[in-house]
Amino acid sequence: MKTLIKNLPFLAVLTAALTLSACNKQEHGHEHNTGKPDLPDAPMLSHAARYDAADTLGIVKTIILSEGGTYTIIATQTPIDDKGTTLPPLSAGKYTAKEQGSYTLHGFGTMTVIQNTKATTDQEVTIILYPTQYTTKEYSMTVTKTTATTTDALYRLWHIEKTRIGISGSVNLAADFDGCDINEIDTFLSTNGIQHNLDIPKDCKVSGVDISALGSIAILYANGEASNASWEQTSTDSYRISWETNDNGLLYSIDNATVSYLDGSCILTMNANISTNKGTLSVTITWVMNIPRPLTS
């Protein structure tokens, strides 16, 4: 369902886009809780780690297993078999833990982590990667392991309850959407005469957002695909997001993203500029996100 607010000046558009992240507001006589929610640890916190390859000429650069249960593999273009097969530059999806140190990377293959007894540092481990979706060959590589130890409520898999979009410039618009169907938002822009240069495929619906303290943010789509970005904190509750690719209509970089909380929801607000037939427009996208279980155990 969409709620539309049209032809507003910039201040009103921005206010509409950020209402849910406002602090110290009262509604129907009840004061909103604007503090960070008290949540249990993310389900895969004990498995969360970042693995950076020591050999820059190997088949992968980085593997991230997040606290929320998402994996990301950033690959090189080194062939993985005698057929010249290469891995996609970015693979991402959900993972599950099997026996100790062994993982199923759904849509990719398996991974096993072995403590290297001859390692020069405690962080040095061996990974056996088996990309079964692409080859029948296993690969062994030395990597540096960085573990995730923070229990901050932010770092977990979130589900988008609502999307708010505000546009300002030669055109001023604001609208609310249930969930995050990017095609629905694209149709809204087209209906209002805005044509952009982003490539958005059909059936592009976001089902989850996985934020990790290991420096990544993964966007999961309803069709099983995923996108990944680096996630860098620039100041308190402020971040820079840089996507590994611009698939699914994503911008390469969002320099101004902020996080706030309201009544148990996490509010992620992103500000960017996009090129359109109406000139460059300022866009504010706000995701209202929740976890799919009660806040108390």
C-alpha atoms as a PDB file:
ATOM      1  CA  MET A   1       0.000   0.000   0.000  1.00  0.00           C
ATOM      2  CA  LYS A   2       1.248   3.491  -0.878  1.00  0.00           C
ATOM      3  CA  THR A   3       0.521   6.827   0.755  1.00  0.00           C
ATOM      4  CA  LEU A   4       1.376   9.777  -1.484  1.00  0.00           C
ATOM      5  CA  ILE A   5       2.234  13.361  -0.592  1.00  0.00           C
ATOM      6  CA  LYS A   6       2.738  15.560  -3.680  1.00  0.00           C
ATOM      7  CA  ASN A   7       4.040  19.004  -4.576  1.00  0.00           C
ATOM      8  CA  LEU A   8       5.594  19.852  -1.238  1.00  0.00           C
ATOM      9  CA  PRO A   9       8.460  22.245  -0.720  1.00  0.00           C
ATOM     10  CA  PHE A  10      11.792  20.677   0.191  1.00  0.00           C
ATOM     11  CA  LEU A  11      11.461  21.152   3.944  1.00  0.00           C
ATOM     12  CA  ALA A  12       8.090  19.422   4.019  1.00  0.00           C
ATOM     13  CA  VAL A  13       9.380  16.558   1.880  1.00  0.00           C
ATOM     14  CA  LEU A  14      12.333  16.018   4.163  1.00  0.00           C
ATOM     15  CA  THR A  15      10.107  16.200   7.230  1.00  0.00           C
ATOM     16  CA  ALA A  16       7.768  13.587   5.755  1.00  0.00           C
ATOM     17  CA  ALA A  17      10.681  11.271   4.993  1.00  0.00           C
ATOM     18  CA  LEU A  18      12.194  11.550   8.459  1.00  0.00           C
ATOM     19  CA  THR A  19       9.105  11.668  10.699  1.00  0.00           C
ATOM     20  CA  LEU A  20       9.608   8.160  12.004  1.00  0.00           C
ATOM     21  CA  SER A  21      13.135   8.932  13.175  1.00  0.00           C
ATOM     22  CA  ALA A  22      12.229  12.102  15.058  1.00  0.00           C
ATOM     23  CA  CYS A  23      13.027  12.123  18.749  1.00  0.00           C
ATOM     24  CA  ASN A  24      10.933  13.116  21.770  1.00  0.00           C
ATOM     25  CA  LYS A  25       7.629  13.184  19.921  1.00  0.00           C
ATOM     26  CA  GLN A  26       4.292  12.363  21.532  1.00  0.00           C
ATOM     27  CA  GLU A  27       1.323  10.728  19.862  1.00  0.00           C
ATOM     28  CA  HIS A  28      -2.094  10.221  21.463  1.00  0.00           C
ATOM     29  CA  GLY A  29      -0.619  11.130  24.818  1.00  0.00           C
ATOM     30  CA  HIS A  30       2.140   8.480  24.680  1.00  0.00           C
ATOM     31  CA  GLU A  31       5.812   9.343  24.465  1.00  0.00           C
ATOM     32  CA  HIS A  32       7.749   7.357  21.853  1.00  0.00           C
ATOM     33  CA  ASN A  33      10.671   5.217  22.970  1.00  0.00           C
ATOM     34  CA  THR A  34      13.598   6.519  20.920  1.00  0.00           C
ATOM     35  CA  GLY A  35      16.293   4.379  22.548  1.00  0.00           C
ATOM     36  CA  LYS A  36      18.060   1.388  21.067  1.00  0.00           C
ATOM     37  CA  PRO A  37      15.927  -1.740  21.650  1.00  0.00           C
ATOM     38  CA  ASP A  38      17.080  -4.410  24.093  1.00  0.00           C
ATOM     39  CA  LEU A  39      17.464  -7.397  21.780  1.00  0.00           C
ATOM     40  CA  PRO A  40      19.014 -10.838  22.231  1.00  0.00           C
ATOM     41  CA  ASP A  41      22.329 -11.488  20.505  1.00  0.00           C
ATOM     42  CA  ALA A  42      22.152 -11.989  16.754  1.00  0.00           C
ATOM     43  CA  PRO A  43      21.632 -15.714  16.002  1.00  0.00           C
ATOM     44  CA  MET A  44      24.986 -16.290  14.249  1.00  0.00           C
ATOM     45  CA  LEU A  45      27.176 -14.030  16.398  1.00  0.00           C
ATOM     46  CA  SER A  46      29.440 -16.911  17.466  1.00  0.00           C
ATOM     47  CA  HIS A  47      30.117 -17.769  13.794  1.00  0.00           C
ATOM     48  CA  ALA A  48      30.488 -14.230  12.453  1.00  0.00           C
ATOM     49  CA  ALA A  49      33.889 -13.543  10.949  1.00  0.00           C
ATOM     50  CA  ARG A  50      35.676 -11.825   8.096  1.00  0.00           C
ATOM     51  CA  TYR A  51      38.297 -13.765   6.124  1.00  0.00           C
ATOM     52  CA  ASP A  52      40.760 -11.738   4.019  1.00  0.00           C
ATOM     53  CA  ALA A  53      42.971 -13.696   1.635  1.00  0.00           C
ATOM     54  CA  ALA A  54      46.713 -13.458   2.105  1.00  0.00           C
ATOM     55  CA  ASP A  55      47.274 -14.255  -1.584  1.00  0.00           C
ATOM     56  CA  THR A  56      45.878 -11.435  -3.722  1.00  0.00           C
ATOM     57  CA  LEU A  57      46.158 -13.691  -6.794  1.00  0.00           C
ATOM     58  CA  GLY A  58      43.848 -16.353  -5.358  1.00  0.00           C
ATOM     59  CA  ILE A  59      40.243 -16.931  -6.392  1.00  0.00           C
ATOM     60  CA  VAL A  60      38.713 -14.778  -3.627  1.00  0.00           C
ATOM     61  CA  LYS A  61      39.622 -11.551  -1.879  1.00  0.00           C
ATOM     62  CA  THR A  62      37.248 -11.586   1.095  1.00  0.00           C
ATOM     63  CA  ILE A  63      34.626 -13.821   2.670  1.00  0.00           C
ATOM     64  CA  ILE A  64      32.261 -12.442   5.320  1.00  0.00           C
ATOM     65  CA  LEU A  65      29.945 -14.494   7.514  1.00  0.00           C
ATOM     66  CA  SER A  66      27.648 -12.011   9.242  1.00  0.00           C
ATOM     67  CA  GLU A  67      26.004 -12.059  12.662  1.00  0.00           C
ATOM     68  CA  GLY A  68      22.602 -12.219  10.991  1.00  0.00           C
ATOM     69  CA  GLY A  69      23.349 -15.312   8.889  1.00  0.00           C
ATOM     70  CA  THR A  70      24.387 -13.847   5.518  1.00  0.00           C
ATOM     71  CA  TYR A  71      27.587 -14.668   3.631  1.00  0.00           C
ATOM     72  CA  THR A  72      29.380 -12.450   1.144  1.00  0.00           C
ATOM     73  CA  ILE A  73      32.170 -13.572  -1.185  1.00  0.00           C
ATOM     74  CA  ILE A  74      34.168 -10.990  -3.125  1.00  0.00           C
ATOM     75  CA  ALA A  75      36.075 -12.859  -5.838  1.00  0.00           C
ATOM     76  CA  THR A  76      38.924 -12.155  -8.223  1.00  0.00           C
ATOM     77  CA  GLN A  77      38.708 -13.080 -11.886  1.00  0.00           C
ATOM     78  CA  THR A  78      41.206 -15.912 -11.523  1.00  0.00           C
ATOM     79  CA  PRO A  79      39.987 -19.080 -13.309  1.00  0.00           C
ATOM     80  CA  ILE A  80      38.803 -21.803 -10.940  1.00  0.00           C
ATOM     81  CA  ASP A  81      39.202 -24.757 -13.324  1.00  0.00           C
ATOM     82  CA  ASP A  82      40.812 -25.793 -16.615  1.00  0.00           C
ATOM     83  CA  LYS A  83      37.739 -24.539 -18.490  1.00  0.00           C
ATOM     84  CA  GLY A  84      38.579 -20.976 -17.515  1.00  0.00           C
ATOM     85  CA  THR A  85      35.508 -20.668 -15.270  1.00  0.00           C
ATOM     86  CA  THR A  86      35.527 -17.647 -12.961  1.00  0.00           C
ATOM     87  CA  LEU A  87      33.407 -16.845  -9.945  1.00  0.00           C
ATOM     88  CA  PRO A  88      31.003 -13.870 -10.012  1.00  0.00           C
ATOM     89  CA  PRO A  89      32.674 -10.712  -8.644  1.00  0.00           C
ATOM     90  CA  LEU A  90      30.163 -10.839  -5.795  1.00  0.00           C
ATOM     91  CA  SER A  91      28.219 -13.760  -4.343  1.00  0.00           C
ATOM     92  CA  ALA A  92      25.920 -13.378  -1.360  1.00  0.00           C
ATOM     93  CA  GLY A  93      23.125 -15.255   0.368  1.00  0.00           C
ATOM     94  CA  LYS A  94      22.286 -17.069   3.590  1.00  0.00           C
ATOM     95  CA  TYR A  95      24.565 -19.546   5.319  1.00  0.00           C
ATOM     96  CA  THR A  96      24.036 -22.301   7.879  1.00  0.00           C
ATOM     97  CA  ALA A  97      26.548 -23.912  10.232  1.00  0.00           C
ATOM     98  CA  LYS A  98      27.124 -27.664  10.020  1.00  0.00           C
ATOM     99  CA  GLU A  99      29.735 -29.372  12.188  1.00  0.00           C
ATOM    100  CA  GLN A 100      32.299 -27.184  13.932  1.00  0.00           C
ATOM    101  CA  GLY A 101      33.998 -24.899  11.408  1.00  0.00           C
ATOM    102  CA  SER A 102      31.976 -26.107   8.419  1.00  0.00           C
ATOM    103  CA  TYR A 103      29.335 -24.054   6.633  1.00  0.00           C
ATOM    104  CA  THR A 104      26.837 -24.369   3.815  1.00  0.00           C
ATOM    105  CA  LEU A 105      26.815 -21.210   1.682  1.00  0.00           C
ATOM    106  CA  HIS A 106      23.405 -21.497   0.049  1.00  0.00           C
ATOM    107  CA  GLY A 107      23.556 -20.832  -3.684  1.00  0.00           C
ATOM    108  CA  PHE A 108      27.368 -21.097  -3.716  1.00  0.00           C
ATOM    109  CA  GLY A 109      28.780 -24.225  -2.058  1.00  0.00           C
ATOM    110  CA  THR A 110      30.528 -25.073   1.212  1.00  0.00           C
ATOM    111  CA  MET A 111      33.332 -23.670   3.328  1.00  0.00           C
ATOM    112  CA  THR A 112      35.447 -25.249   6.066  1.00  0.00           C
ATOM    113  CA  VAL A 113      37.692 -23.286   8.444  1.00  0.00           C
ATOM    114  CA  ILE A 114      40.762 -25.056   9.829  1.00  0.00           C
ATOM    115  CA  GLN A 115      43.009 -23.573  12.512  1.00  0.00           C
ATOM    116  CA  ASN A 116      46.500 -23.453  11.049  1.00  0.00           C
ATOM    117  CA  THR A 117      48.891 -25.011  13.597  1.00  0.00           C
ATOM    118  CA  LYS A 118      51.869 -23.424  11.823  1.00  0.00           C
ATOM    119  CA  ALA A 119      50.281 -19.991  11.560  1.00  0.00           C
ATOM    120  CA  THR A 120      52.439 -16.994  12.375  1.00  0.00           C
ATOM    121  CA  THR A 121      49.511 -15.245  14.126  1.00  0.00           C
ATOM    122  CA  ASP A 122      46.367 -16.377  15.939  1.00  0.00           C
ATOM    123  CA  GLN A 123      44.283 -14.756  13.185  1.00  0.00           C
ATOM    124  CA  GLU A 124      45.778 -16.890  10.407  1.00  0.00           C
ATOM    125  CA  VAL A 125      43.607 -19.852   9.387  1.00  0.00           C
ATOM    126  CA  THR A 126      43.115 -22.122   6.385  1.00  0.00           C
ATOM    127  CA  ILE A 127      39.867 -22.133   4.427  1.00  0.00           C
ATOM    128  CA  ILE A 128      38.753 -24.965   2.182  1.00  0.00           C
ATOM    129  CA  LEU A 129      36.263 -23.508  -0.274  1.00  0.00           C
ATOM    130  CA  TYR A 130      34.122 -25.730  -2.460  1.00  0.00           C
ATOM    131  CA  PRO A 131      32.082 -23.613  -4.926  1.00  0.00           C
ATOM    132  CA  THR A 132      29.834 -26.478  -6.031  1.00  0.00           C
ATOM    133  CA  GLN A 133      27.582 -24.211  -8.097  1.00  0.00           C
ATOM    134  CA  TYR A 134      30.520 -23.491 -10.422  1.00  0.00           C
ATOM    135  CA  THR A 135      33.044 -26.347 -10.273  1.00  0.00           C
ATOM    136  CA  THR A 136      33.838 -29.772  -8.775  1.00  0.00           C
ATOM    137  CA  LYS A 137      37.191 -28.605  -7.446  1.00  0.00           C
ATOM    138  CA  GLU A 138      38.041 -27.664  -3.862  1.00  0.00           C
ATOM    139  CA  TYR A 139      40.392 -24.801  -3.003  1.00  0.00           C
ATOM    140  CA  SER A 140      42.589 -24.370   0.051  1.00  0.00           C
ATOM    141  CA  MET A 141      43.805 -20.901   0.974  1.00  0.00           C
ATOM    142  CA  THR A 142      45.411 -19.056   3.849  1.00  0.00           C
ATOM    143  CA  VAL A 143      43.379 -16.141   5.207  1.00  0.00           C
ATOM    144  CA  THR A 144      43.421 -13.679   8.054  1.00  0.00           C
ATOM    145  CA  LYS A 145      40.385 -14.098  10.299  1.00  0.00           C
ATOM    146  CA  THR A 146      38.701 -11.182  12.068  1.00  0.00           C
ATOM    147  CA  THR A 147      35.882 -12.133  14.444  1.00  0.00           C
ATOM    148  CA  ALA A 148      32.783 -10.156  15.358  1.00  0.00           C
ATOM    149  CA  THR A 149      32.442  -9.706  19.094  1.00  0.00           C
ATOM    150  CA  THR A 150      30.069  -6.758  19.505  1.00  0.00           C
ATOM    151  CA  THR A 151      26.524  -7.366  20.751  1.00  0.00           C
ATOM    152  CA  ASP A 152      25.162  -4.046  19.455  1.00  0.00           C
ATOM    153  CA  ALA A 153      21.480  -4.340  18.507  1.00  0.00           C
ATOM    154  CA  LEU A 154      22.154  -2.829  15.070  1.00  0.00           C
ATOM    155  CA  TYR A 155      24.166  -5.759  13.773  1.00  0.00           C
ATOM    156  CA  ARG A 156      21.655  -8.378  12.652  1.00  0.00           C
ATOM    157  CA  LEU A 157      19.200  -9.283   9.921  1.00  0.00           C
ATOM    158  CA  TRP A 158      16.334  -6.783   9.699  1.00  0.00           C
ATOM    159  CA  HIS A 159      13.089  -6.968   7.747  1.00  0.00           C
ATOM    160  CA  ILE A 160      11.717  -3.834   6.096  1.00  0.00           C
ATOM    161  CA  GLU A 161       8.257  -2.882   7.315  1.00  0.00           C
ATOM    162  CA  LYS A 162       7.949   0.430   5.474  1.00  0.00           C
ATOM    163  CA  THR A 163       9.833   2.516   2.921  1.00  0.00           C
ATOM    164  CA  ARG A 164       9.576   6.273   2.792  1.00  0.00           C
ATOM    165  CA  ILE A 165      10.939   8.219  -0.165  1.00  0.00           C
ATOM    166  CA  GLY A 166      11.330  11.980  -0.456  1.00  0.00           C
ATOM    167  CA  ILE A 167      12.459  13.775  -3.619  1.00  0.00           C
ATOM    168  CA  SER A 168      13.449  17.397  -3.975  1.00  0.00           C
ATOM    169  CA  GLY A 169      14.791  19.616  -6.728  1.00  0.00           C
ATOM    170  CA  SER A 170      12.878  20.554  -9.844  1.00  0.00           C
ATOM    171  CA  VAL A 171      10.267  18.020  -8.627  1.00  0.00           C
ATOM    172  CA  ASN A 172       9.082  17.637  -5.017  1.00  0.00           C
ATOM    173  CA  LEU A 173       7.445  14.369  -3.977  1.00  0.00           C
ATOM    174  CA  ALA A 174       7.110  12.127  -0.944  1.00  0.00           C
ATOM    175  CA  ALA A 175       5.456   8.736  -0.512  1.00  0.00           C
ATOM    176  CA  ASP A 176       5.144   5.770   1.884  1.00  0.00           C
ATOM    177  CA  PHE A 177       5.283   2.131   0.740  1.00  0.00           C
ATOM    178  CA  ASP A 178       4.643  -1.098   2.631  1.00  0.00           C
ATOM    179  CA  GLY A 179       7.798  -3.203   2.602  1.00  0.00           C
ATOM    180  CA  CYS A 180      10.258  -2.396  -0.179  1.00  0.00           C
ATOM    181  CA  ASP A 181       9.191  -3.347  -3.688  1.00  0.00           C
ATOM    182  CA  ILE A 182      11.665  -1.434  -5.871  1.00  0.00           C
ATOM    183  CA  ASN A 183       9.493  -1.948  -8.948  1.00  0.00           C
ATOM    184  CA  GLU A 184       6.566  -0.318  -7.139  1.00  0.00           C
ATOM    185  CA  ILE A 185       8.750   2.649  -6.257  1.00  0.00           C
ATOM    186  CA  ASP A 186      10.022   2.819  -9.846  1.00  0.00           C
ATOM    187  CA  THR A 187       6.431   2.828 -11.141  1.00  0.00           C
ATOM    188  CA  PHE A 188       5.617   5.654  -8.731  1.00  0.00           C
ATOM    189  CA  LEU A 189       8.507   7.699 -10.131  1.00  0.00           C
ATOM    190  CA  SER A 190       7.495   6.981 -13.730  1.00  0.00           C
ATOM    191  CA  THR A 191       3.870   7.896 -13.017  1.00  0.00           C
ATOM    192  CA  ASN A 192       5.125  11.249 -11.764  1.00  0.00           C
ATOM    193  CA  GLY A 193       7.218  11.839 -14.883  1.00  0.00           C
ATOM    194  CA  ILE A 194      10.631  10.937 -13.438  1.00  0.00           C
ATOM    195  CA  GLN A 195      12.937   8.806 -15.595  1.00  0.00           C
ATOM    196  CA  HIS A 196      16.275   7.818 -14.032  1.00  0.00           C
ATOM    197  CA  ASN A 197      19.457   6.089 -15.192  1.00  0.00           C
ATOM    198  CA  LEU A 198      19.304   3.153 -12.744  1.00  0.00           C
ATOM    199  CA  ASP A 199      18.882  -0.381 -14.073  1.00  0.00           C
ATOM    200  CA  ILE A 200      16.100  -2.065 -12.098  1.00  0.00           C
ATOM    201  CA  PRO A 201      15.167  -5.668 -13.016  1.00  0.00           C
ATOM    202  CA  LYS A 202      11.658  -7.117 -12.738  1.00  0.00           C
ATOM    203  CA  ASP A 203      10.490  -8.659  -9.451  1.00  0.00           C
ATOM    204  CA  CYS A 204      13.035  -6.652  -7.454  1.00  0.00           C
ATOM    205  CA  LYS A 205      11.638  -6.825  -3.920  1.00  0.00           C
ATOM    206  CA  VAL A 206      13.843  -6.448  -0.835  1.00  0.00           C
ATOM    207  CA  SER A 207      13.136  -9.055   1.835  1.00  0.00           C
ATOM    208  CA  GLY A 208      15.849  -8.250   4.360  1.00  0.00           C
ATOM    209  CA  VAL A 209      18.786  -6.039   5.316  1.00  0.00           C
ATOM    210  CA  ASP A 210      21.728  -7.676   7.111  1.00  0.00           C
ATOM    211  CA  ILE A 211      24.068  -5.199   8.815  1.00  0.00           C
ATOM    212  CA  SER A 212      27.386  -6.482  10.189  1.00  0.00           C
ATOM    213  CA  ALA A 213      30.002  -5.021  12.506  1.00  0.00           C
ATOM    214  CA  LEU A 214      32.536  -6.592  10.125  1.00  0.00           C
ATOM    215  CA  GLY A 215      31.992  -3.702   7.707  1.00  0.00           C
ATOM    216  CA  SER A 216      29.321  -5.000   5.358  1.00  0.00           C
ATOM    217  CA  ILE A 217      25.625  -4.573   4.655  1.00  0.00           C
ATOM    218  CA  ALA A 218      23.777  -7.168   2.563  1.00  0.00           C
ATOM    219  CA  ILE A 219      20.459  -6.609   0.827  1.00  0.00           C
ATOM    220  CA  LEU A 220      18.462  -9.821   0.381  1.00  0.00           C
ATOM    221  CA  TYR A 221      15.847 -10.035  -2.363  1.00  0.00           C
ATOM    222  CA  ALA A 222      12.689 -12.135  -2.455  1.00  0.00           C
ATOM    223  CA  ASN A 223      13.985 -14.015  -5.536  1.00  0.00           C
ATOM    224  CA  GLY A 224      16.967 -15.346  -3.569  1.00  0.00           C
ATOM    225  CA  GLU A 225      19.539 -12.909  -4.945  1.00  0.00           C
ATOM    226  CA  ALA A 226      21.562 -10.484  -2.820  1.00  0.00           C
ATOM    227  CA  SER A 227      23.648  -7.321  -3.068  1.00  0.00           C
ATOM    228  CA  ASN A 228      26.449  -6.268  -0.759  1.00  0.00           C
ATOM    229  CA  ALA A 229      28.137  -3.025   0.239  1.00  0.00           C
ATOM    230  CA  SER A 230      30.917  -1.899   2.504  1.00  0.00           C
ATOM    231  CA  TRP A 231      29.584  -0.215   5.638  1.00  0.00           C
ATOM    232  CA  GLU A 232      31.810   2.426   7.224  1.00  0.00           C
ATOM    233  CA  GLN A 233      30.972   4.457  10.325  1.00  0.00           C
ATOM    234  CA  THR A 234      31.871   8.123   9.849  1.00  0.00           C
ATOM    235  CA  SER A 235      30.546   9.508  13.153  1.00  0.00           C
ATOM    236  CA  THR A 236      28.047   8.575  15.849  1.00  0.00           C
ATOM    237  CA  ASP A 237      25.056   6.896  14.133  1.00  0.00           C
ATOM    238  CA  SER A 238      26.306   8.059  10.704  1.00  0.00           C
ATOM    239  CA  TYR A 239      27.671   5.806   7.959  1.00  0.00           C
ATOM    240  CA  ARG A 240      28.967   5.647   4.400  1.00  0.00           C
ATOM    241  CA  ILE A 241      27.678   2.840   2.147  1.00  0.00           C
ATOM    242  CA  SER A 242      29.632   1.782  -0.963  1.00  0.00           C
ATOM    243  CA  TRP A 243      28.076  -0.979  -3.074  1.00  0.00           C
ATOM    244  CA  GLU A 244      30.327  -3.596  -4.650  1.00  0.00           C
ATOM    245  CA  THR A 245      28.199  -3.424  -7.825  1.00  0.00           C
ATOM    246  CA  ASN A 246      25.298  -1.248  -8.964  1.00  0.00           C
ATOM    247  CA  ASP A 247      22.981  -4.164  -9.759  1.00  0.00           C
ATOM    248  CA  ASN A 248      19.268  -3.921  -8.955  1.00  0.00           C
ATOM    249  CA  GLY A 249      19.214  -0.158  -9.355  1.00  0.00           C
ATOM    250  CA  LEU A 250      21.547   0.541  -6.416  1.00  0.00           C
ATOM    251  CA  LEU A 251      23.801   3.578  -6.395  1.00  0.00           C
ATOM    252  CA  TYR A 252      27.537   2.987  -6.155  1.00  0.00           C
ATOM    253  CA  SER A 253      27.904   5.125  -3.050  1.00  0.00           C
ATOM    254  CA  ILE A 254      25.741   6.723  -0.377  1.00  0.00           C
ATOM    255  CA  ASP A 255      27.890   9.114   1.632  1.00  0.00           C
ATOM    256  CA  ASN A 256      25.227  10.085   4.154  1.00  0.00           C
ATOM    257  CA  ALA A 257      23.318   7.317   5.940  1.00  0.00           C
ATOM    258  CA  THR A 258      22.050   7.586   9.501  1.00  0.00           C
ATOM    259  CA  VAL A 259      20.598   5.129  12.008  1.00  0.00           C
ATOM    260  CA  SER A 260      18.036   5.880  14.701  1.00  0.00           C
ATOM    261  CA  TYR A 261      15.436   3.952  16.678  1.00  0.00           C
ATOM    262  CA  LEU A 262      11.757   4.398  17.473  1.00  0.00           C
ATOM    263  CA  ASP A 263       9.530   2.066  19.481  1.00  0.00           C
ATOM    264  CA  GLY A 264      11.710  -0.968  18.835  1.00  0.00           C
ATOM    265  CA  SER A 265      12.183  -0.246  15.123  1.00  0.00           C
ATOM    266  CA  CYS A 266      15.518   0.537  13.497  1.00  0.00           C
ATOM    267  CA  ILE A 267      15.324   3.516  11.118  1.00  0.00           C
ATOM    268  CA  LEU A 268      17.927   3.617   8.326  1.00  0.00           C
ATOM    269  CA  THR A 269      17.863   6.895   6.382  1.00  0.00           C
ATOM    270  CA  MET A 270      19.932   7.289   3.207  1.00  0.00           C
ATOM    271  CA  ASN A 271      20.509  10.491   1.265  1.00  0.00           C
ATOM    272  CA  ALA A 272      21.776  10.568  -2.314  1.00  0.00           C
ATOM    273  CA  ASN A 273      21.525  12.378  -5.642  1.00  0.00           C
ATOM    274  CA  ILE A 274      20.311  10.689  -8.830  1.00  0.00           C
ATOM    275  CA  SER A 275      20.410  11.838 -12.467  1.00  0.00           C
ATOM    276  CA  THR A 276      16.984  12.036 -14.091  1.00  0.00           C
ATOM    277  CA  ASN A 277      15.214  13.637 -17.029  1.00  0.00           C
ATOM    278  CA  LYS A 278      14.302  16.400 -14.546  1.00  0.00           C
ATOM    279  CA  GLY A 279      17.947  17.056 -13.750  1.00  0.00           C
ATOM    280  CA  THR A 280      19.787  15.916 -10.630  1.00  0.00           C
ATOM    281  CA  LEU A 281      17.337  15.249  -7.809  1.00  0.00           C
ATOM    282  CA  SER A 282      18.040  14.834  -4.094  1.00  0.00           C
ATOM    283  CA  VAL A 283      16.519  11.617  -2.790  1.00  0.00           C
ATOM    284  CA  THR A 284      15.957  10.588   0.819  1.00  0.00           C
ATOM    285  CA  ILE A 285      15.084   6.926   1.381  1.00  0.00           C
ATOM    286  CA  THR A 286      14.020   5.804   4.846  1.00  0.00           C
ATOM    287  CA  TRP A 287      13.661   2.141   5.782  1.00  0.00           C
ATOM    288  CA  VAL A 288      11.663   1.294   8.903  1.00  0.00           C
ATOM    289  CA  MET A 289      13.036  -2.112   9.935  1.00  0.00           C
ATOM    290  CA  ASN A 290      12.101  -4.727  12.520  1.00  0.00           C
ATOM    291  CA  ILE A 291      13.173  -8.234  13.431  1.00  0.00           C
ATOM    292  CA  PRO A 292      10.648 -11.021  12.748  1.00  0.00           C
ATOM    293  CA  ARG A 293      10.276 -12.111  16.364  1.00  0.00           C
ATOM    294  CA  PRO A 294       9.200 -10.541  19.690  1.00  0.00           C
ATOM    295  CA  LEU A 295      11.625  -8.045  21.150  1.00  0.00           C
ATOM    296  CA  THR A 296      11.679  -9.968  24.439  1.00  0.00           C
ATOM    297  CA  SER A 297      12.454 -13.640  24.786  1.00  0.00           C
END
